[in-house]
Amino acid sequence: ESMSMPDITTYVEEMNFKFISGDTSLDQFDNYIETLKKMNIEQVIAGRQAQYDRYKAAQQ
C-alpha cells in the first residue's frame, strides 16, 4: 500500500486540477476510475478500512 499511495495521490491531484480547469473532459471520468483501479486503489482502500476497523475495535 505505501508504495502505491504516493503515486495515487499525485495522480488524483493532477486529474482533479485537469477536471476542474477543463483540460480534461468529464467524459474521461470512467477512464480516470479505471486508471485508479489499475493503480490498486481498491487494495489501498481495503487496507485503510482494516486499519480503521482495528482502531475502532480498540476503542471499545
C-alpha atoms as a PDB file:
ATOM      1  CA  GLU A   1       0.000   0.000   0.000  1.00  0.00           C
ATOM      2  CA  SER A   2       2.639   2.554   0.986  1.00  0.00           C
ATOM      3  CA  MET A   3       4.378   2.154  -2.372  1.00  0.00           C
ATOM      4  CA  SER A   4       1.149   2.868  -4.268  1.00  0.00           C
ATOM      5  CA  MET A   5      -0.242   5.743  -2.239  1.00  0.00           C
ATOM      6  CA  PRO A   6       2.209   8.489  -3.299  1.00  0.00           C
ATOM      7  CA  ASP A   7       1.604   7.676  -6.970  1.00  0.00           C
ATOM      8  CA  ILE A   8      -2.149   7.559  -6.438  1.00  0.00           C
ATOM      9  CA  THR A   9      -2.137  10.851  -4.538  1.00  0.00           C
ATOM     10  CA  THR A  10      -0.151  12.565  -7.288  1.00  0.00           C
ATOM     11  CA  TYR A  11      -2.435  11.185  -9.992  1.00  0.00           C
ATOM     12  CA  VAL A  12      -5.607  12.228  -8.136  1.00  0.00           C
ATOM     13  CA  GLU A  13      -4.282  15.749  -7.533  1.00  0.00           C
ATOM     14  CA  GLU A  14      -3.260  16.155 -11.176  1.00  0.00           C
ATOM     15  CA  MET A  15      -6.554  14.836 -12.504  1.00  0.00           C
ATOM     16  CA  ASN A  16      -8.620  16.931 -10.084  1.00  0.00           C
ATOM     17  CA  PHE A  17      -6.891  20.026 -11.447  1.00  0.00           C
ATOM     18  CA  LYS A  18      -7.421  18.897 -15.048  1.00  0.00           C
ATOM     19  CA  PHE A  19     -11.115  18.175 -14.494  1.00  0.00           C
ATOM     20  CA  ILE A  20     -11.704  21.480 -12.677  1.00  0.00           C
ATOM     21  CA  SER A  21      -9.727  23.565 -15.175  1.00  0.00           C
ATOM     22  CA  GLY A  22     -11.406  21.895 -18.141  1.00  0.00           C
ATOM     23  CA  ASP A  23      -8.137  20.499 -19.517  1.00  0.00           C
ATOM     24  CA  THR A  24      -9.720  17.043 -19.264  1.00  0.00           C
ATOM     25  CA  SER A  25     -13.369  16.452 -20.108  1.00  0.00           C
ATOM     26  CA  LEU A  26     -15.630  14.797 -17.556  1.00  0.00           C
ATOM     27  CA  ASP A  27     -16.288  12.297 -20.345  1.00  0.00           C
ATOM     28  CA  GLN A  28     -12.916  10.856 -19.286  1.00  0.00           C
ATOM     29  CA  PHE A  29     -14.026  10.217 -15.697  1.00  0.00           C
ATOM     30  CA  ASP A  30     -14.605   6.481 -16.268  1.00  0.00           C
ATOM     31  CA  ASN A  31     -11.050   6.202 -17.625  1.00  0.00           C
ATOM     32  CA  TYR A  32      -9.826   8.036 -14.519  1.00  0.00           C
ATOM     33  CA  ILE A  33     -11.547   5.472 -12.279  1.00  0.00           C
ATOM     34  CA  GLU A  34     -10.155   2.572 -14.326  1.00  0.00           C
ATOM     35  CA  THR A  35      -6.653   4.013 -14.005  1.00  0.00           C
ATOM     36  CA  LEU A  36      -7.076   4.267 -10.227  1.00  0.00           C
ATOM     37  CA  LYS A  37      -8.150   0.624 -10.152  1.00  0.00           C
ATOM     38  CA  LYS A  38      -5.043  -0.350 -12.142  1.00  0.00           C
ATOM     39  CA  MET A  39      -3.012   1.576  -9.556  1.00  0.00           C
ATOM     40  CA  ASN A  40      -4.503  -0.730  -6.878  1.00  0.00           C
ATOM     41  CA  ILE A  41      -6.731   1.883  -5.231  1.00  0.00           C
ATOM     42  CA  GLU A  42      -9.110  -0.857  -4.103  1.00  0.00           C
ATOM     43  CA  GLN A  43      -6.332  -2.592  -2.143  1.00  0.00           C
ATOM     44  CA  VAL A  44      -5.324   0.733  -0.602  1.00  0.00           C
ATOM     45  CA  ILE A  45      -8.916   1.390   0.468  1.00  0.00           C
ATOM     46  CA  ALA A  46      -9.229  -2.132   1.904  1.00  0.00           C
ATOM     47  CA  GLY A  47      -6.018  -1.640   3.876  1.00  0.00           C
ATOM     48  CA  ARG A  48      -7.160   1.705   5.231  1.00  0.00           C
ATOM     49  CA  GLN A  49     -10.558   0.237   6.147  1.00  0.00           C
ATOM     50  CA  ALA A  50      -8.860  -2.605   8.035  1.00  0.00           C
ATOM     51  CA  GLN A  51      -6.740  -0.060   9.939  1.00  0.00           C
ATOM     52  CA  TYR A  52      -9.841   1.933  10.836  1.00  0.00           C
ATOM     53  CA  ASP A  53     -11.715  -1.203  11.904  1.00  0.00           C
ATOM     54  CA  ARG A  54      -8.834  -2.196  14.210  1.00  0.00           C
ATOM     55  CA  TYR A  55      -8.744   1.318  15.651  1.00  0.00           C
ATOM     56  CA  LYS A  56     -12.498   1.325  16.315  1.00  0.00           C
ATOM     57  CA  ALA A  57     -12.329  -2.148  17.892  1.00  0.00           C
ATOM     58  CA  ALA A  58      -9.552  -0.972  20.223  1.00  0.00           C
ATOM     59  CA  GLN A  59     -11.706   1.965  21.347  1.00  0.00           C
ATOM     60  CA  GLN A  60     -14.453  -0.303  22.697  1.00  0.00           C
END
